[in-house]
Amino acid sequence: MNKLEKLIGTKQKVYYPWKQKFLHRVVHKDREGYYVKYQGKKKRLRLAINDFGEMVRFEVIHEGRDNHG
């Protein structure tokens, strides 16, 4: 986790699954976890981990739209 703390406030490649591409964004952290600012909102990040337990990248958690009738 020490490596992650060094990434806060720096511009990183972040994967956007619904766009299927990487964009450079500044990584922030609050008490709920890591996030980037996207279109004026906080978008939460999850860590993609490889088979060796190493962080591979940040991914934006895509929040689907509510379907109300």
N, C-alpha and C. Protein backbone atom coordinates (compact mmCIF):
# COMPACT_ATOMS: atom_id res chain seq x y z
N MET A 1 0.81 -1.20 0.00
CA MET A 1 0.00 0.00 0.00
C MET A 1 0.86 1.27 0.00
N ASN A 2 2.09 1.17 0.41
CA ASN A 2 2.97 2.33 0.41
C ASN A 2 3.15 2.88 -1.00
N LYS A 3 3.22 1.99 -1.99
CA LYS A 3 3.34 2.40 -3.39
C LYS A 3 2.12 3.22 -3.82
N LEU A 4 0.94 2.83 -3.35
CA LEU A 4 -0.28 3.54 -3.70
C LEU A 4 -0.30 4.95 -3.14
N GLU A 5 0.19 5.12 -1.93
CA GLU A 5 0.21 6.44 -1.30
C GLU A 5 1.05 7.43 -2.12
N LYS A 6 2.09 6.94 -2.78
CA LYS A 6 2.94 7.80 -3.59
C LYS A 6 2.23 8.27 -4.86
N LEU A 7 1.18 7.55 -5.29
CA LEU A 7 0.47 7.89 -6.51
C LEU A 7 -0.61 8.96 -6.30
N ILE A 8 -0.97 9.22 -5.06
CA ILE A 8 -2.01 10.21 -4.77
C ILE A 8 -1.53 11.60 -5.18
N GLY A 9 -2.37 12.30 -5.92
CA GLY A 9 -2.03 13.65 -6.37
C GLY A 9 -1.21 13.68 -7.65
N THR A 10 -0.94 12.51 -8.22
CA THR A 10 -0.18 12.46 -9.46
C THR A 10 -1.08 11.99 -10.60
N LYS A 11 -0.71 12.36 -11.80
CA LYS A 11 -1.48 11.96 -12.98
C LYS A 11 -1.10 10.53 -13.35
N GLN A 12 -2.09 9.66 -13.47
CA GLN A 12 -1.88 8.25 -13.77
C GLN A 12 -2.77 7.82 -14.93
N LYS A 13 -2.37 6.75 -15.61
CA LYS A 13 -3.24 6.15 -16.62
C LYS A 13 -4.33 5.38 -15.89
N VAL A 14 -5.58 5.71 -16.18
CA VAL A 14 -6.72 5.08 -15.53
C VAL A 14 -7.58 4.45 -16.61
N TYR A 15 -8.00 3.20 -16.41
CA TYR A 15 -8.79 2.48 -17.40
C TYR A 15 -10.27 2.76 -17.20
N TYR A 16 -10.95 3.14 -18.27
CA TYR A 16 -12.40 3.37 -18.28
C TYR A 16 -13.04 2.21 -19.04
N PRO A 17 -13.62 1.24 -18.34
CA PRO A 17 -14.16 0.04 -19.00
C PRO A 17 -15.22 0.33 -20.05
N TRP A 18 -16.11 1.29 -19.81
CA TRP A 18 -17.18 1.54 -20.77
C TRP A 18 -16.69 2.26 -22.02
N LYS A 19 -15.51 2.86 -21.95
CA LYS A 19 -14.89 3.48 -23.13
C LYS A 19 -13.85 2.56 -23.75
N GLN A 20 -13.46 1.55 -23.00
CA GLN A 20 -12.42 0.59 -23.38
C GLN A 20 -11.12 1.29 -23.76
N LYS A 21 -10.74 2.29 -22.92
CA LYS A 21 -9.46 2.95 -23.16
C LYS A 21 -8.94 3.56 -21.86
N PHE A 22 -7.68 3.94 -21.91
CA PHE A 22 -7.02 4.59 -20.78
C PHE A 22 -7.05 6.10 -20.98
N LEU A 23 -7.24 6.83 -19.90
CA LEU A 23 -7.14 8.29 -19.90
C LEU A 23 -6.24 8.69 -18.74
N HIS A 24 -5.55 9.77 -18.87
CA HIS A 24 -4.69 10.26 -17.78
C HIS A 24 -5.52 11.14 -16.85
N ARG A 25 -5.55 10.79 -15.58
CA ARG A 25 -6.30 11.53 -14.57
C ARG A 25 -5.48 11.60 -13.29
N VAL A 26 -5.74 12.63 -12.49
CA VAL A 26 -5.09 12.77 -11.18
C VAL A 26 -5.85 11.91 -10.17
N VAL A 27 -5.12 11.06 -9.47
CA VAL A 27 -5.70 10.16 -8.48
C VAL A 27 -5.79 10.88 -7.13
N HIS A 28 -6.96 10.79 -6.50
CA HIS A 28 -7.20 11.39 -5.18
C HIS A 28 -7.61 10.28 -4.21
N LYS A 29 -7.58 10.60 -2.93
CA LYS A 29 -8.01 9.64 -1.92
C LYS A 29 -8.80 10.37 -0.84
N ASP A 30 -9.89 9.76 -0.41
CA ASP A 30 -10.63 10.24 0.75
C ASP A 30 -10.87 9.05 1.67
N ARG A 31 -11.71 9.22 2.67
CA ARG A 31 -11.90 8.13 3.64
C ARG A 31 -12.60 6.92 3.04
N GLU A 32 -13.25 7.09 1.89
CA GLU A 32 -13.93 5.96 1.23
C GLU A 32 -13.03 5.21 0.25
N GLY A 33 -11.92 5.80 -0.14
CA GLY A 33 -11.02 5.12 -1.06
C GLY A 33 -10.47 6.06 -2.12
N TYR A 34 -10.03 5.47 -3.22
CA TYR A 34 -9.41 6.23 -4.30
C TYR A 34 -10.47 6.66 -5.30
N TYR A 35 -10.22 7.82 -5.94
CA TYR A 35 -11.16 8.32 -6.95
C TYR A 35 -10.47 9.29 -7.89
N VAL A 36 -11.14 9.56 -9.02
CA VAL A 36 -10.73 10.61 -9.95
C VAL A 36 -11.93 11.52 -10.14
N LYS A 37 -11.68 12.73 -10.58
CA LYS A 37 -12.76 13.63 -10.92
C LYS A 37 -13.05 13.49 -12.40
N TYR A 38 -14.31 13.24 -12.74
CA TYR A 38 -14.71 13.01 -14.12
C TYR A 38 -16.06 13.66 -14.34
N GLN A 39 -16.12 14.60 -15.25
CA GLN A 39 -17.34 15.35 -15.56
C GLN A 39 -17.96 15.97 -14.30
N GLY A 40 -17.10 16.54 -13.46
CA GLY A 40 -17.55 17.23 -12.26
C GLY A 40 -17.98 16.35 -11.11
N LYS A 41 -17.78 15.04 -11.22
CA LYS A 41 -18.17 14.11 -10.16
C LYS A 41 -16.98 13.25 -9.76
N LYS A 42 -17.06 12.70 -8.56
CA LYS A 42 -16.06 11.73 -8.12
C LYS A 42 -16.41 10.37 -8.70
N LYS A 43 -15.46 9.78 -9.37
CA LYS A 43 -15.63 8.42 -9.88
C LYS A 43 -14.68 7.52 -9.10
N ARG A 44 -15.23 6.55 -8.44
CA ARG A 44 -14.45 5.64 -7.60
C ARG A 44 -13.57 4.74 -8.45
N LEU A 45 -12.44 4.38 -7.87
CA LEU A 45 -11.47 3.51 -8.54
C LEU A 45 -11.37 2.18 -7.81
N ARG A 46 -11.09 1.16 -8.56
CA ARG A 46 -10.73 -0.13 -7.96
C ARG A 46 -9.35 -0.48 -8.50
N LEU A 47 -8.67 -1.31 -7.78
CA LEU A 47 -7.34 -1.73 -8.18
C LEU A 47 -7.43 -3.04 -8.95
N ALA A 48 -6.79 -3.10 -10.09
CA ALA A 48 -6.66 -4.35 -10.83
C ALA A 48 -5.37 -4.99 -10.36
N ILE A 49 -5.48 -6.21 -9.87
CA ILE A 49 -4.35 -6.95 -9.29
C ILE A 49 -4.02 -8.15 -10.18
N ASN A 50 -2.74 -8.40 -10.42
CA ASN A 50 -2.37 -9.57 -11.22
C ASN A 50 -2.27 -10.82 -10.34
N ASP A 51 -1.89 -11.93 -10.93
CA ASP A 51 -1.81 -13.21 -10.21
C ASP A 51 -0.75 -13.23 -9.11
N PHE A 52 0.16 -12.30 -9.14
CA PHE A 52 1.23 -12.23 -8.14
C PHE A 52 0.88 -11.27 -7.01
N GLY A 53 -0.33 -10.71 -7.04
CA GLY A 53 -0.76 -9.79 -6.00
C GLY A 53 -0.23 -8.38 -6.17
N GLU A 54 0.27 -8.07 -7.37
CA GLU A 54 0.81 -6.74 -7.64
C GLU A 54 -0.25 -5.89 -8.34
N MET A 55 -0.26 -4.60 -8.01
CA MET A 55 -1.19 -3.70 -8.67
C MET A 55 -0.79 -3.52 -10.12
N VAL A 56 -1.75 -3.68 -11.01
CA VAL A 56 -1.50 -3.52 -12.43
C VAL A 56 -1.95 -2.14 -12.91
N ARG A 57 -3.13 -1.71 -12.43
CA ARG A 57 -3.68 -0.43 -12.87
C ARG A 57 -4.85 -0.03 -11.99
N PHE A 58 -5.28 1.22 -12.15
CA PHE A 58 -6.52 1.69 -11.57
C PHE A 58 -7.61 1.53 -12.63
N GLU A 59 -8.81 1.15 -12.20
CA GLU A 59 -9.97 1.10 -13.08
C GLU A 59 -11.10 1.90 -12.47
N VAL A 60 -11.80 2.66 -13.29
CA VAL A 60 -12.96 3.41 -12.82
C VAL A 60 -14.12 2.45 -12.67
N ILE A 61 -14.82 2.54 -11.56
CA ILE A 61 -16.01 1.71 -11.34
C ILE A 61 -17.16 2.37 -12.05
N HIS A 62 -17.72 1.69 -13.03
CA HIS A 62 -18.82 2.25 -13.82
C HIS A 62 -20.12 2.06 -13.07
N GLU A 63 -20.79 3.17 -12.82
CA GLU A 63 -22.07 3.12 -12.13
C GLU A 63 -23.16 3.16 -13.18
N GLY A 64 -23.93 2.06 -13.31
CA GLY A 64 -24.98 1.99 -14.30
C GLY A 64 -26.13 2.92 -13.97
N ARG A 65 -26.90 3.21 -14.99
CA ARG A 65 -28.07 4.08 -14.79
C ARG A 65 -29.20 3.28 -14.16
N ASP A 66 -29.98 3.97 -13.32
CA ASP A 66 -31.14 3.33 -12.71
C ASP A 66 -32.23 3.18 -13.77
N ASN A 67 -32.88 2.03 -13.77
CA ASN A 67 -33.99 1.79 -14.68
C ASN A 67 -35.28 1.86 -13.88
N HIS A 68 -35.98 2.96 -14.02
CA HIS A 68 -37.24 3.15 -13.32
C HIS A 68 -38.39 3.17 -14.32
N GLY A 69 -38.96 1.98 -14.58
CA GLY A 69 -40.14 1.84 -15.42
C GLY A 69 -40.02 2.44 -16.71
